[in-house]
Each structure stands twice: as structure tokens, then as C-alpha cells.
Amino acid sequence: MSYQTFVEDADKLIQANEMWTGITPEAVARMRLQNRFRTGLDIARYTAAIMRRDMAAYDQDPSKYTQSLGCWHGFIGQQKVISLKKHFGSTERRYLYLSGWMVAALRSEFGPLPDQSMHEKTSVPALIEELYTFLRQADARELGMLFRDIDRARETGDSVRHRQLQQAVDTYQTHIIPIIADIDAGFGNAEATYLLAKKMIEAGACALQIENQVSDEKQCGHQDGKVTVPHEEFIAKIRACRYAFLELGIDDGIIVARTDSLGAGLTKQIAFSAREGDIGDQYNSFLDCEEVTDGQHQNGEVLITRGSKVLRPKRLRSNLYQFREGTGADRCVLDCITALQNGADLLWIETEKPHIAQIAGMVDRVRQVIPNAKLVYNNSPSFNWTLNFRQQVFDAWKNDGKEVSGYDRPKLMSEEYDGTPLAMEADERIRTFQRDASVRAGIFHHLITLPTYHTAALSTDNLAKEYFGDQGMLGYVANVQRKEIRQGIACVRHQNMAGSDIGDDHKEYFSSEAALKAGGKHNTMNQFAA
């Protein structure tokens, strides 16, 4: 609907209510345009459609992959999307990621916690709501600036500029983009998963990522000690998420099924099996077992049968069962196929390194059963990208018979190798990793879980070193403010960024000429107008 149509509709409404004195149609139209997403469900419905279109486009052309960065605060997410619009003119195929790790480490009322699902489950939907509050405010701010430009064009009689600005409003691209939100292992049983999923969807999440670890034993995907659950338990949680979407009318909501089997050597329990070859039997076939003969039974032990054999699964004092070494990839493939066959839309394979051939090897096997299987992949800061890729190049060169005697493979992280041909080839592989992995390994969505955690730490360290050191105030001015101004960072005018101009607009709507506005000629933010 066009800007002018919004104004005309508001005018009809006001004329039908003659006691609404001082209410102007244009002000109503502007406020409505600045808040077109009134609920989280509006957002979830809108963004789910975006993701579905992007998934279909990727199926046709794997170069059309999508990306996101993990954001732990609404302001961080807002600035990211403002930056996308500034640098690329579009938010197309760019999302937000909400990391459970960052919620645990940065947003829990208990204080910083490890990524073990100990944070309050309500902190996850609260962050989703916060992210979208900041993104909606970014819409209101940017549209408000367009509206003020429209007023100036009207005042100066510049009809061409006036039409251009109205067209800019009519074709305005919102800051609202999809969020893939981490629900960890569901924070309990399937009912708990369903209840939390509803809260997350109501806050605006169109995509939920859930993993096949045990809720009360959950570990970060890049740490040891991970414990998986049998497929039937995980499928119940996938169904719980789907029911939550359907109950709330988000019929095309997205479920990302994550498997941690590659790094998980333990299971919570032996799966139930009704007959040989069923999913429970397949899960149990990976257990580390020894054959038991008559008379070898021990008190309190658990035995299973497979065909004519009686087997003793290796059980730890923790009452967990151990898988055979070397079965991780096979278990990942089975996990992925089973999840997609039971309602998941996308896959997530948590790996120990960013290696395209390793990822592709598993995806190829999944695609033999489900041809359009697609991955969400964690370009994790837990990987040492420099060392991993330098070692990959070293190994490739060595296999090709190239000279590598000038390189010490375990020490390739060293600065002494910066600028060498090996390091330059490794950097090029890192640069093209997302593109190459999307084409070869079926990765639809690339994310970095914790980037803004690291950027906040790095920038704060640099500022503290300069400001409290010899540079004093110059440490801030030269390294922050001067760069903000020259790079056109929106929040250099922090009062505007925080909504001061929006507040002035509202004061004028509410009080007309009696409005006491903050944005007058004595506002110091005017120093940044140029």
C-alpha cells in the first residue's frame, strides 16, 4: 500500500470521528508505516516466507546461500542490519543468529555461564523480542528521516524531490530479517520444548534450531562430554516445535535439526527396538559392545540381543553408554536422514574443523536418500581458521608432491609464515569457504555464532589501552569517533540513534506548536550533520 493510500485511509477515519481534534491524517499514516509489524507473530510469518523463498532459490542455484552473524544484544543486531543496508543496499539473504552460548555467557541473571542450558529459558525469547524491538526502532528512525525530508521538499516547493521521497517510502526495505534461534536441546522433555518454542515464535522467531543432546547433560558443540539421545526422543521434540508453529498459525516455520554425533561418544540410554533393523536397532548397532556367553552375566548389568548374539554394551559409572570409536560420521548421516524424514527442514552438523571435503562426504550420503537436503553450518570462532587452513594447504601440497620442507606443520600459526605462498593460498581458501562449501557441501546458511562477542572484546581492549594510556582522549577520538564520522556510522549521532528525533516528531503530533523539542539549533548533535 502506498504512502498516499495510508494518508487517505487515515483521513477517512478521522473525518468519521469529528471529536478527534488535532489528529492529522499524515501523522497517523506515518506512525502506522513506522510500525507495520505489530506483533512477534507478524514478524515470524513475514520472515518465514523470506526463508522459504531463499531455500527454494538455493535449490535452484547453490551460489545463492544465506548468511548471518550471532548478536547478543538488540543494539548489536540493529547496527548490523543498518550496516547491511548502508554497504549493500539490501538485506537480501542475510539473517540474524541467536546463539544459546551468548545467551548463557552474557544474558543470564545468574551471570556468565557455560553453554550447558543452565540459563533461564525465558531469556531466549526475551532476547528475540529485544532484537526485533531494536530493528523496528531502526525502521521508525529511518522512515522518520524520510518523512522530514518530505516536509522539507514540500516547504521548498521541490515537487520532483517530493515524488522521489514518497517513492522511497513506498519501496522501503524494512530492517526486519529472519532470526534463526537456538533452543538448545529443548530445556527439558518434549512438553517443555513445545512451551519454550511457543514463546520464541511469539517473540518473532521463524526458525528454531534444536540439537540431539540430552537436555540435562547438554554441552557446547565444541566441547567434550556430549551425550546424544535416541532418535525417537529427538523426533518427539521436532514434532513439539512443529506443533508450536502450527498452533500459532506459522504454517511454514522452519526447524533446524542439529546433530552432535560427530563429537559425541556417549548416549543417555539404549534405544527401544521392536524389531531388527528399525530405528532403535540402528541406533543401538553403534554401541560399543562385547559378546556374552552363558555364565558370564554379572549382577545388575544390561544386556541386549542382536540376532542370536547376546551383547553387553559398555556402560560407564555415570550410567551412560559408549559408542564405538569411528562411528560418528555414520551416526551423523543417520541422524540427518531421520530428522528430515520426520519434519525437520534444515540440518546442522557440528564438526570439529571447517573442512569442506569432510562435510560434503556426509551430505552426499544424506542426499542419496533426500536429494534436496540442506545444511546450516557454524563457521565457528572455536575453530582456529588460520592453523586449520594452513595445515589443509600443507597436506594438499605434500600429497601433490610440492616442496613443503620450509614449513613446520604444527607451527603454521606462527607470524613467520604470514605472507608466504602457503599462507596466501590458505587465506584465499578461507575467503571463498562459504561460496565453495555452499556449492560442494550443500550449505544453505552460513553463520558465525559468536562474532560480536569477540568484536566487542577486541574493540574494548583497544580503547582501554589507548584511553587510559598515553593517548588519553585521542585514543577515543582518533580510533572511534573520527572513524565513525568518516565511515558514516549511524550511531555517531547517538541521540538520533536512540530515538530523540522520533520523540520530537511525536511531540509535534501531540502538542503541535507547543511542543518542546530536543532537536533545535543548540543540540550538539548538529555538529555531526555534515
Protein backbone atom coordinates (compact mmCIF):
# COMPACT_ATOMS: atom_id res chain seq x y z
CA MET A 1 0.00 0.00 0.00
CA SER A 2 1.39 3.41 -0.98
CA TYR A 3 2.20 6.32 1.30
CA GLN A 4 -0.65 8.33 -0.20
CA THR A 5 -3.11 5.48 0.36
CA PHE A 6 -2.13 5.34 4.04
CA VAL A 7 -2.82 9.08 4.30
CA GLU A 8 -6.17 8.81 2.52
CA ASP A 9 -7.31 5.92 4.71
CA ALA A 10 -6.34 7.81 7.85
CA ASP A 11 -8.19 10.90 6.58
CA LYS A 12 -11.43 8.93 6.12
CA LEU A 13 -11.13 7.53 9.63
CA ILE A 14 -10.54 10.95 11.21
CA GLN A 15 -13.38 12.58 9.29
CA ALA A 16 -15.71 9.88 10.64
CA ASN A 17 -14.73 10.87 14.21
CA GLU A 18 -15.24 14.61 14.45
CA MET A 19 -14.21 14.80 18.11
CA TRP A 20 -10.67 13.70 17.31
CA THR A 21 -9.43 17.27 17.25
CA GLY A 22 -5.83 17.95 16.27
CA ILE A 23 -5.28 14.48 14.80
CA THR A 24 -3.75 14.81 11.32
CA PRO A 25 -4.05 12.08 8.67
CA GLU A 26 -0.40 12.33 7.65
CA ALA A 27 0.83 11.86 11.22
CA VAL A 28 -1.36 8.77 11.60
CA ALA A 29 -0.14 7.39 8.28
CA ARG A 30 3.47 7.94 9.25
CA MET A 31 3.09 6.27 12.62
CA ARG A 32 1.41 3.28 11.00
CA LEU A 33 4.16 2.98 8.40
CA GLN A 34 6.80 3.20 11.11
CA ASN A 35 5.22 0.26 12.95
CA ARG A 36 3.97 -2.15 10.32
CA PHE A 37 4.90 -5.21 12.41
CA ARG A 38 2.63 -5.05 15.43
CA THR A 39 3.34 -8.45 16.99
CA GLY A 40 6.04 -11.07 17.03
CA LEU A 41 3.73 -13.39 15.12
CA ASP A 42 3.52 -10.81 12.32
CA ILE A 43 7.31 -10.90 12.20
CA ALA A 44 7.55 -14.70 12.32
CA ARG A 45 5.01 -15.03 9.49
CA TYR A 46 6.81 -12.43 7.34
CA THR A 47 10.32 -13.82 7.92
CA ALA A 48 9.32 -17.48 7.49
CA ALA A 49 8.15 -16.61 3.98
CA ILE A 50 11.52 -14.98 3.31
CA MET A 51 13.40 -18.09 4.42
CA ARG A 52 11.19 -20.39 2.36
CA ARG A 53 11.81 -18.28 -0.76
CA ASP A 54 15.54 -18.30 -0.07
CA MET A 55 15.55 -22.08 0.41
CA ALA A 56 13.78 -22.56 -2.92
CA ALA A 57 16.21 -20.18 -4.64
CA TYR A 58 19.17 -22.11 -3.20
CA ASP A 59 17.75 -25.38 -4.51
CA GLN A 60 17.84 -23.86 -8.00
CA ASP A 61 21.24 -22.15 -7.59
CA PRO A 62 23.59 -23.09 -4.71
CA SER A 63 25.53 -19.85 -5.14
CA LYS A 64 22.51 -18.17 -3.51
CA TYR A 65 23.41 -19.18 0.01
CA THR A 66 22.42 -17.13 3.05
CA GLN A 67 24.46 -15.76 5.96
CA SER A 68 24.12 -14.45 9.49
CA LEU A 69 26.08 -13.23 12.47
CA GLY A 70 25.27 -14.05 16.08
CA CYS A 71 24.08 -11.00 18.03
CA TRP A 72 23.76 -10.92 21.81
CA HIS A 73 22.00 -7.56 22.20
CA GLY A 74 19.31 -5.69 20.31
CA PHE A 75 21.65 -2.78 19.60
CA ILE A 76 24.26 -5.10 18.07
CA GLY A 77 21.65 -6.68 15.80
CA GLN A 78 20.29 -3.27 14.85
CA GLN A 79 23.69 -1.88 13.92
CA LYS A 80 24.44 -4.98 11.87
CA VAL A 81 21.30 -4.56 9.76
CA ILE A 82 21.83 -0.80 9.38
CA SER A 83 25.33 -1.62 8.15
CA LEU A 84 23.99 -4.16 5.65
CA LYS A 85 21.62 -1.62 4.17
CA LYS A 86 24.35 1.03 4.05
CA HIS A 87 27.01 -1.10 2.38
CA PHE A 88 24.93 -3.40 0.17
CA GLY A 89 21.66 -1.53 -0.28
CA SER A 90 19.72 -4.64 0.70
CA THR A 91 19.28 -7.22 3.42
CA GLU A 92 18.61 -9.97 0.86
CA ARG A 93 19.75 -13.45 2.03
CA ARG A 94 21.08 -12.03 5.31
CA TYR A 95 19.71 -13.12 8.68
CA LEU A 96 20.38 -12.85 12.41
CA TYR A 97 21.51 -15.75 14.54
CA LEU A 98 20.66 -16.05 18.23
CA SER A 99 23.27 -18.18 19.96
CA GLY A 100 22.44 -20.10 23.10
CA TRP A 101 26.12 -19.80 24.03
CA MET A 102 25.90 -16.00 24.05
CA VAL A 103 22.63 -16.03 25.99
CA ALA A 104 24.28 -18.21 28.64
CA ALA A 105 27.51 -16.21 28.73
CA LEU A 106 26.04 -12.70 28.51
CA ARG A 107 22.32 -12.56 29.24
CA SER A 108 21.63 -14.84 32.20
CA GLU A 109 20.52 -13.38 35.52
CA PHE A 110 22.88 -15.88 37.15
CA GLY A 111 25.81 -14.13 35.49
CA PRO A 112 28.19 -15.60 32.90
CA LEU A 113 27.55 -19.32 32.46
CA PRO A 114 28.97 -22.09 30.28
CA ASP A 115 26.90 -23.29 27.34
CA GLN A 116 25.10 -26.03 29.27
CA SER A 117 21.47 -24.82 29.22
CA MET A 118 21.67 -23.55 32.80
CA HIS A 119 20.41 -20.06 31.90
CA GLU A 120 16.76 -19.15 32.33
CA LYS A 121 14.81 -20.45 29.36
CA THR A 122 12.78 -17.21 29.25
CA SER A 123 15.99 -15.27 28.49
CA VAL A 124 15.94 -16.71 24.96
CA PRO A 125 12.52 -15.36 23.85
CA ALA A 126 13.34 -12.15 25.73
CA LEU A 127 16.40 -11.64 23.51
CA ILE A 128 14.40 -12.39 20.36
CA GLU A 129 11.88 -9.74 21.39
CA GLU A 130 14.68 -7.30 22.19
CA LEU A 131 16.35 -7.83 18.81
CA TYR A 132 13.13 -7.14 16.97
CA THR A 133 12.34 -4.12 19.15
CA PHE A 134 15.65 -2.58 18.06
CA LEU A 135 15.06 -3.50 14.41
CA ARG A 136 11.58 -1.99 14.47
CA GLN A 137 13.07 1.16 16.01
CA ALA A 138 15.59 1.27 13.15
CA ASP A 139 12.65 1.26 10.72
CA ALA A 140 10.96 4.08 12.62
CA ARG A 141 14.16 6.12 12.69
CA GLU A 142 14.98 5.73 9.00
CA LEU A 143 11.40 6.35 7.86
CA GLY A 144 11.25 9.36 10.17
CA MET A 145 14.23 10.86 8.37
CA LEU A 146 12.49 10.29 5.04
CA PHE A 147 9.35 11.97 6.35
CA ARG A 148 11.35 15.01 7.47
CA ASP A 149 12.93 15.17 4.02
CA ILE A 150 9.42 15.05 2.50
CA ASP A 151 8.42 18.02 4.66
CA ARG A 152 11.49 20.00 3.55
CA ALA A 153 10.82 19.23 -0.12
CA ARG A 154 7.22 20.33 0.33
CA GLU A 155 8.28 23.55 2.09
CA THR A 156 10.71 24.46 -0.70
CA GLY A 157 8.27 23.54 -3.45
CA ASP A 158 10.54 20.82 -4.88
CA SER A 159 7.85 18.57 -6.37
CA VAL A 160 10.33 16.24 -8.11
CA ARG A 161 12.18 15.58 -4.87
CA HIS A 162 8.84 15.17 -3.10
CA ARG A 163 7.76 12.42 -5.51
CA GLN A 164 11.15 10.70 -5.23
CA LEU A 165 10.90 10.61 -1.46
CA GLN A 166 7.35 9.26 -1.49
CA GLN A 167 8.54 6.54 -3.86
CA ALA A 168 11.37 5.77 -1.44
CA VAL A 169 8.78 5.29 1.33
CA ASP A 170 6.61 3.11 -0.91
CA THR A 171 9.56 0.83 -1.77
CA TYR A 172 11.15 0.95 1.67
CA GLN A 173 13.00 -2.20 2.75
CA THR A 174 12.48 -3.00 6.41
CA HIS A 175 15.26 -3.89 8.86
CA ILE A 176 13.16 -6.91 9.91
CA ILE A 177 15.04 -10.02 8.79
CA PRO A 178 14.79 -13.69 9.82
CA ILE A 179 16.26 -14.92 13.08
CA ILE A 180 17.47 -18.49 13.46
CA ALA A 181 17.07 -19.01 17.21
CA ASP A 182 18.85 -21.61 19.32
CA ILE A 183 16.51 -23.60 21.56
CA ASP A 184 19.45 -25.79 22.70
CA ALA A 185 18.21 -29.33 23.42
CA GLY A 186 14.73 -28.07 24.31
CA PHE A 187 15.29 -27.32 28.03
CA GLY A 188 13.57 -30.48 29.18
CA ASN A 189 11.14 -33.00 27.77
CA ALA A 190 9.00 -32.54 24.65
CA GLU A 191 6.36 -30.58 26.57
CA ALA A 192 9.00 -28.15 27.86
CA THR A 193 10.31 -27.82 24.30
CA TYR A 194 6.83 -27.05 23.00
CA LEU A 195 6.19 -24.38 25.64
CA LEU A 196 9.51 -22.64 25.02
CA ALA A 197 9.09 -22.92 21.25
CA LYS A 198 5.77 -21.07 21.50
CA LYS A 199 7.36 -18.23 23.46
CA MET A 200 10.18 -17.95 20.93
CA ILE A 201 7.77 -17.91 17.98
CA GLU A 202 5.51 -15.37 19.69
CA ALA A 203 8.59 -13.17 20.11
CA GLY A 204 9.22 -13.35 16.35
CA ALA A 205 11.40 -16.40 15.64
CA CYS A 206 10.58 -18.08 12.32
CA ALA A 207 13.34 -20.70 12.61
CA LEU A 208 14.20 -22.84 15.62
CA GLN A 209 17.45 -24.79 15.88
CA ILE A 210 17.31 -27.82 18.16
CA GLU A 211 20.02 -30.38 18.91
CA ASN A 212 20.01 -34.08 19.74
CA GLN A 213 21.88 -33.84 23.01
CA VAL A 214 20.45 -34.72 26.42
CA SER A 215 18.90 -31.60 27.95
CA ASP A 216 20.36 -32.05 31.41
CA GLU A 217 23.77 -33.09 30.05
CA LYS A 218 23.95 -30.52 27.24
CA GLN A 219 27.40 -29.24 26.26
CA CYS A 220 28.65 -26.63 23.81
CA GLY A 221 29.03 -28.26 20.41
CA HIS A 222 32.79 -27.69 20.51
CA GLN A 223 33.40 -29.18 23.95
CA ASP A 224 33.88 -32.75 25.10
CA GLY A 225 31.43 -34.82 27.12
CA LYS A 226 28.46 -34.59 24.75
CA VAL A 227 25.67 -37.13 25.16
CA THR A 228 23.06 -37.83 22.48
CA VAL A 229 19.54 -39.20 22.77
CA PRO A 230 17.83 -41.95 20.74
CA HIS A 231 16.06 -40.81 17.62
CA GLU A 232 12.53 -41.28 18.95
CA GLU A 233 13.16 -38.77 21.75
CA PHE A 234 14.60 -36.22 19.33
CA ILE A 235 11.76 -36.75 16.85
CA ALA A 236 9.25 -36.02 19.64
CA LYS A 237 10.93 -32.63 20.15
CA ILE A 238 10.90 -31.88 16.43
CA ARG A 239 7.17 -32.62 16.49
CA ALA A 240 6.75 -30.38 19.55
CA CYS A 241 8.35 -27.48 17.65
CA ARG A 242 6.14 -28.12 14.63
CA TYR A 243 3.00 -28.21 16.76
CA ALA A 244 4.04 -24.87 18.29
CA PHE A 245 4.39 -23.32 14.83
CA LEU A 246 1.06 -24.75 13.65
CA GLU A 247 -0.82 -23.73 16.78
CA LEU A 248 0.33 -20.14 16.30
CA GLY A 249 -0.51 -20.09 12.60
CA ILE A 250 3.08 -20.04 11.31
CA ASP A 251 2.48 -22.90 8.92
CA ASP A 252 5.81 -22.50 7.12
CA GLY A 253 8.00 -22.16 10.22
CA ILE A 254 11.48 -23.69 9.86
CA ILE A 255 13.04 -26.35 12.09
CA VAL A 256 16.81 -26.81 12.01
CA ALA A 257 17.82 -30.23 13.34
CA ARG A 258 21.34 -30.27 14.72
CA THR A 259 23.31 -33.44 15.26
CA ASP A 260 26.25 -33.53 17.65
CA SER A 261 27.01 -37.18 16.94
CA LEU A 262 30.33 -36.49 15.23
CA GLY A 263 31.84 -35.39 18.55
CA ALA A 264 29.55 -37.26 20.95
CA GLY A 265 30.82 -40.64 22.11
CA LEU A 266 28.07 -41.31 24.64
CA THR A 267 24.34 -41.93 24.72
CA LYS A 268 21.89 -41.45 27.56
CA GLN A 269 20.13 -44.75 27.03
CA ILE A 270 19.73 -47.78 24.88
CA ALA A 271 17.05 -47.14 22.28
CA PHE A 272 13.82 -49.12 22.27
CA SER A 273 13.70 -51.59 19.38
CA ALA A 274 10.61 -53.58 18.39
CA ARG A 275 12.18 -55.45 15.51
CA GLU A 276 15.51 -55.96 13.83
CA GLY A 277 16.52 -53.07 11.54
CA ASP A 278 14.15 -50.45 12.99
CA ILE A 279 15.48 -47.03 14.01
CA GLY A 280 16.11 -48.12 17.58
CA ASP A 281 18.06 -51.16 16.43
CA GLN A 282 20.11 -49.00 14.04
CA TYR A 283 20.96 -46.61 16.89
CA ASN A 284 21.96 -49.49 19.16
CA SER A 285 24.12 -51.01 16.44
CA PHE A 286 26.69 -48.26 17.06
CA LEU A 287 27.10 -49.15 20.76
CA ASP A 288 30.45 -50.42 21.96
CA CYS A 289 29.56 -53.99 22.96
CA GLU A 290 31.18 -57.29 23.77
CA GLU A 291 29.61 -60.66 23.20
CA VAL A 292 28.43 -62.51 26.30
CA THR A 293 28.22 -66.28 26.63
CA ASP A 294 26.23 -68.31 29.13
CA GLY A 295 27.54 -67.96 32.66
CA GLN A 296 29.24 -64.60 32.07
CA HIS A 297 26.32 -62.50 33.30
CA GLN A 298 27.04 -60.08 36.14
CA ASN A 299 24.77 -58.60 38.78
CA GLY A 300 22.87 -55.51 37.65
CA GLU A 301 24.27 -55.42 34.13
CA VAL A 302 22.31 -54.54 31.00
CA LEU A 303 22.37 -56.91 28.05
CA ILE A 304 20.90 -56.64 24.59
CA THR A 305 20.35 -59.18 21.86
CA ARG A 306 21.20 -58.82 18.19
CA GLY A 307 20.13 -61.80 16.16
CA SER A 308 21.39 -64.88 18.00
CA LYS A 309 24.01 -62.96 19.97
CA VAL A 310 23.79 -61.59 23.49
CA LEU A 311 25.82 -58.39 23.90
CA ARG A 312 26.99 -56.30 26.85
CA PRO A 313 27.04 -52.55 26.00
CA LYS A 314 29.90 -50.63 27.58
CA ARG A 315 28.29 -48.74 30.48
CA LEU A 316 30.11 -46.05 32.45
CA ARG A 317 29.76 -45.27 36.15
CA SER A 318 27.67 -42.27 35.07
CA ASN A 319 25.14 -44.84 33.73
CA LEU A 320 25.81 -43.60 30.19
CA TYR A 321 26.61 -45.93 27.31
CA GLN A 322 29.56 -45.61 24.98
CA PHE A 323 29.56 -45.72 21.18
CA ARG A 324 32.27 -47.44 19.18
CA GLU A 325 35.07 -45.16 18.05
CA GLY A 326 34.93 -44.15 14.42
CA THR A 327 31.15 -44.31 14.12
CA GLY A 328 30.49 -40.56 14.38
CA ALA A 329 30.06 -39.84 10.67
CA ASP A 330 27.73 -42.82 10.20
CA ARG A 331 25.64 -41.69 13.16
CA CYS A 332 25.50 -38.13 11.79
CA VAL A 333 24.20 -39.38 8.44
CA LEU A 334 21.52 -41.50 10.12
CA ASP A 335 20.56 -38.57 12.39
CA CYS A 336 20.20 -36.24 9.41
CA ILE A 337 18.11 -38.61 7.30
CA THR A 338 15.85 -39.47 10.23
CA ALA A 339 15.33 -35.80 11.19
CA LEU A 340 14.38 -34.78 7.65
CA GLN A 341 12.06 -37.77 7.31
CA ASN A 342 10.27 -36.63 10.47
CA GLY A 343 9.60 -32.98 9.78
CA ALA A 344 12.87 -31.05 10.07
CA ASP A 345 13.57 -28.58 7.25
CA LEU A 346 17.30 -27.94 7.56
CA LEU A 347 20.26 -29.78 9.05
CA TRP A 348 23.16 -28.69 11.23
CA ILE A 349 26.19 -30.95 11.53
CA GLU A 350 28.52 -29.75 14.28
CA THR A 351 32.06 -30.54 13.14
CA GLU A 352 35.43 -30.22 14.84
CA LYS A 353 37.02 -28.28 11.96
CA PRO A 354 35.93 -26.37 8.84
CA HIS A 355 36.80 -28.95 6.18
CA ILE A 356 34.68 -28.93 3.02
CA ALA A 357 35.52 -32.49 1.99
CA GLN A 358 34.53 -33.85 5.42
CA ILE A 359 31.20 -32.02 5.40
CA ALA A 360 30.48 -32.93 1.77
CA GLY A 361 31.21 -36.59 2.44
CA MET A 362 28.35 -36.76 4.94
CA VAL A 363 25.98 -34.55 2.94
CA ASP A 364 26.48 -36.66 -0.19
CA ARG A 365 25.32 -39.72 1.75
CA VAL A 366 22.28 -37.88 3.11
CA ARG A 367 21.39 -36.65 -0.37
CA GLN A 368 21.34 -40.20 -1.68
CA VAL A 369 18.15 -40.54 0.35
CA ILE A 370 16.90 -36.92 0.44
CA PRO A 371 18.21 -35.09 -2.64
CA ASN A 372 17.39 -31.54 -1.52
CA ALA A 373 18.93 -31.86 1.98
CA LYS A 374 20.46 -28.55 3.06
CA LEU A 375 22.74 -27.52 5.89
CA VAL A 376 23.02 -24.65 8.31
CA TYR A 377 26.73 -24.51 9.15
CA ASN A 378 28.54 -22.91 12.07
CA ASN A 379 31.62 -21.01 10.85
CA SER A 380 32.68 -21.18 14.46
CA PRO A 381 35.17 -18.96 16.30
CA SER A 382 36.05 -22.17 18.16
CA PHE A 383 37.95 -23.22 15.02
CA ASN A 384 41.48 -21.93 14.58
CA TRP A 385 40.79 -20.96 10.98
CA THR A 386 44.34 -19.84 10.25
CA LEU A 387 46.00 -23.03 11.51
CA ASN A 388 43.33 -25.35 10.08
CA PHE A 389 43.54 -23.96 6.56
CA ARG A 390 47.31 -23.65 6.52
CA GLN A 391 47.51 -27.29 7.53
CA GLN A 392 44.98 -28.23 4.85
CA VAL A 393 47.10 -26.50 2.22
CA PHE A 394 50.26 -28.11 3.63
CA ASP A 395 48.68 -31.57 3.36
CA ALA A 396 47.38 -30.90 -0.17
CA TRP A 397 50.79 -29.67 -1.32
CA LYS A 398 52.53 -32.65 0.24
CA ASN A 399 50.12 -35.09 -1.44
CA ASP A 400 50.74 -33.34 -4.78
CA GLY A 401 54.50 -33.69 -4.34
CA LYS A 402 55.12 -29.96 -3.84
CA GLU A 403 58.00 -28.75 -1.70
CA VAL A 404 56.95 -28.22 1.93
CA SER A 405 60.25 -28.63 3.75
CA GLY A 406 60.30 -24.91 4.56
CA TYR A 407 57.17 -25.25 6.71
CA ASP A 408 56.71 -26.75 10.17
CA ARG A 409 53.15 -28.14 10.08
CA PRO A 410 52.40 -27.94 13.85
CA LYS A 411 53.65 -24.34 13.99
CA LEU A 412 51.96 -22.90 10.91
CA MET A 413 50.05 -20.40 13.07
CA SER A 414 53.31 -18.52 13.60
CA GLU A 415 53.66 -15.00 12.19
CA GLU A 416 56.82 -16.06 10.38
CA TYR A 417 54.61 -17.77 7.78
CA ASP A 418 52.44 -14.71 7.14
CA GLY A 419 52.96 -13.60 3.55
CA THR A 420 54.27 -16.96 2.38
CA PRO A 421 52.69 -18.67 -0.65
CA LEU A 422 51.19 -21.32 1.65
CA ALA A 423 49.60 -18.70 3.93
CA MET A 424 48.24 -16.75 0.97
CA GLU A 425 46.62 -19.85 -0.52
CA ALA A 426 45.14 -20.70 2.89
CA ASP A 427 43.70 -17.20 3.22
CA GLU A 428 42.15 -17.47 -0.23
CA ARG A 429 40.52 -20.76 0.77
CA ILE A 430 39.14 -19.07 3.90
CA ARG A 431 37.85 -16.15 1.81
CA THR A 432 35.95 -18.47 -0.54
CA PHE A 433 34.98 -21.06 2.07
CA GLN A 434 31.32 -20.05 2.24
CA ARG A 435 30.91 -19.94 -1.53
CA ASP A 436 32.79 -23.20 -2.11
CA ALA A 437 31.10 -25.09 0.72
CA SER A 438 27.65 -23.99 -0.42
CA VAL A 439 28.24 -25.38 -3.90
CA ARG A 440 30.06 -28.55 -2.86
CA ALA A 441 28.68 -29.43 0.58
CA GLY A 442 25.03 -28.33 0.47
CA ILE A 443 25.38 -25.46 2.94
CA PHE A 444 22.35 -23.18 2.54
CA HIS A 445 23.12 -20.97 5.51
CA HIS A 446 26.48 -19.87 6.91
CA LEU A 447 26.58 -18.33 10.36
CA ILE A 448 29.18 -17.26 12.88
CA THR A 449 27.84 -17.98 16.34
CA LEU A 450 29.86 -15.57 18.47
CA PRO A 451 31.40 -12.87 16.26
CA THR A 452 30.06 -9.85 18.11
CA TYR A 453 31.23 -11.30 21.44
CA HIS A 454 34.76 -11.25 20.06
CA THR A 455 34.49 -7.88 18.30
CA ALA A 456 33.18 -6.25 21.49
CA ALA A 457 36.09 -7.69 23.48
CA LEU A 458 38.68 -6.64 20.89
CA SER A 459 37.40 -3.08 20.40
CA THR A 460 37.05 -2.54 24.16
CA ASP A 461 40.59 -3.78 24.75
CA ASN A 462 41.95 -1.38 22.12
CA LEU A 463 40.00 1.57 23.53
CA ALA A 464 41.02 0.86 27.13
CA LYS A 465 44.69 0.54 26.15
CA GLU A 466 44.66 3.90 24.33
CA TYR A 467 42.33 5.97 26.53
CA PHE A 468 43.89 5.00 29.85
CA GLY A 469 47.39 5.16 28.36
CA ASP A 470 49.47 7.90 26.79
CA GLN A 471 46.94 8.65 24.05
CA GLY A 472 44.29 9.81 26.50
CA MET A 473 41.30 11.40 24.78
CA LEU A 474 42.97 10.97 21.39
CA GLY A 475 42.60 7.24 21.88
CA TYR A 476 38.83 7.69 21.62
CA VAL A 477 38.76 10.49 19.06
CA ALA A 478 41.23 9.02 16.55
CA ASN A 479 40.24 5.39 16.85
CA VAL A 480 36.48 5.68 17.41
CA GLN A 481 34.79 9.00 16.71
CA ARG A 482 36.88 10.07 13.74
CA LYS A 483 36.36 6.68 12.10
CA GLU A 484 32.63 6.74 12.88
CA ILE A 485 32.25 10.11 11.16
CA ARG A 486 34.31 9.17 8.11
CA GLN A 487 32.69 5.74 7.71
CA GLY A 488 29.19 7.14 8.13
CA ILE A 489 28.35 5.04 11.19
CA ALA A 490 24.75 5.86 12.10
CA CYS A 491 25.24 5.94 15.85
CA VAL A 492 27.81 8.76 15.74
CA ARG A 493 24.64 10.81 16.23
CA HIS A 494 23.74 8.72 19.24
CA GLN A 495 20.76 10.86 20.32
CA ASN A 496 19.17 10.32 16.91
CA MET A 497 20.00 6.63 17.08
CA ALA A 498 18.32 6.34 20.47
CA GLY A 499 15.09 7.88 19.15
CA SER A 500 15.35 11.57 20.02
CA ASP A 501 14.11 12.70 16.61
CA ILE A 502 11.25 10.20 16.70
CA GLY A 503 10.29 11.65 20.07
CA ASP A 504 10.36 15.16 18.60
CA ASP A 505 8.04 14.07 15.80
CA HIS A 506 5.60 12.65 18.34
CA LYS A 507 5.75 15.81 20.46
CA GLU A 508 4.79 17.81 17.39
CA TYR A 509 1.94 15.41 16.59
CA PHE A 510 0.64 15.54 20.15
CA SER A 511 1.22 19.20 21.06
CA SER A 512 1.62 20.98 17.72
CA GLU A 513 3.29 24.39 18.13
CA ALA A 514 3.50 23.97 21.92
CA ALA A 515 5.93 21.05 21.54
CA LEU A 516 9.23 21.42 23.40
CA LYS A 517 11.57 19.63 21.03
CA ALA A 518 15.12 18.43 21.67
CA GLY A 519 16.44 18.78 18.14
CA GLY A 520 16.78 22.56 17.98
CA LYS A 521 19.77 24.59 16.86
CA HIS A 522 21.53 24.21 20.23
CA ASN A 523 21.59 20.40 20.07
CA THR A 524 25.26 19.40 19.93
CA MET A 525 24.39 16.54 17.59
CA ASN A 526 24.16 19.21 14.87
CA GLN A 527 28.00 19.12 14.83
CA PHE A 528 27.69 15.81 13.00
CA ALA A 529 25.08 16.92 10.45
CA ALA A 530 27.72 17.08 7.70
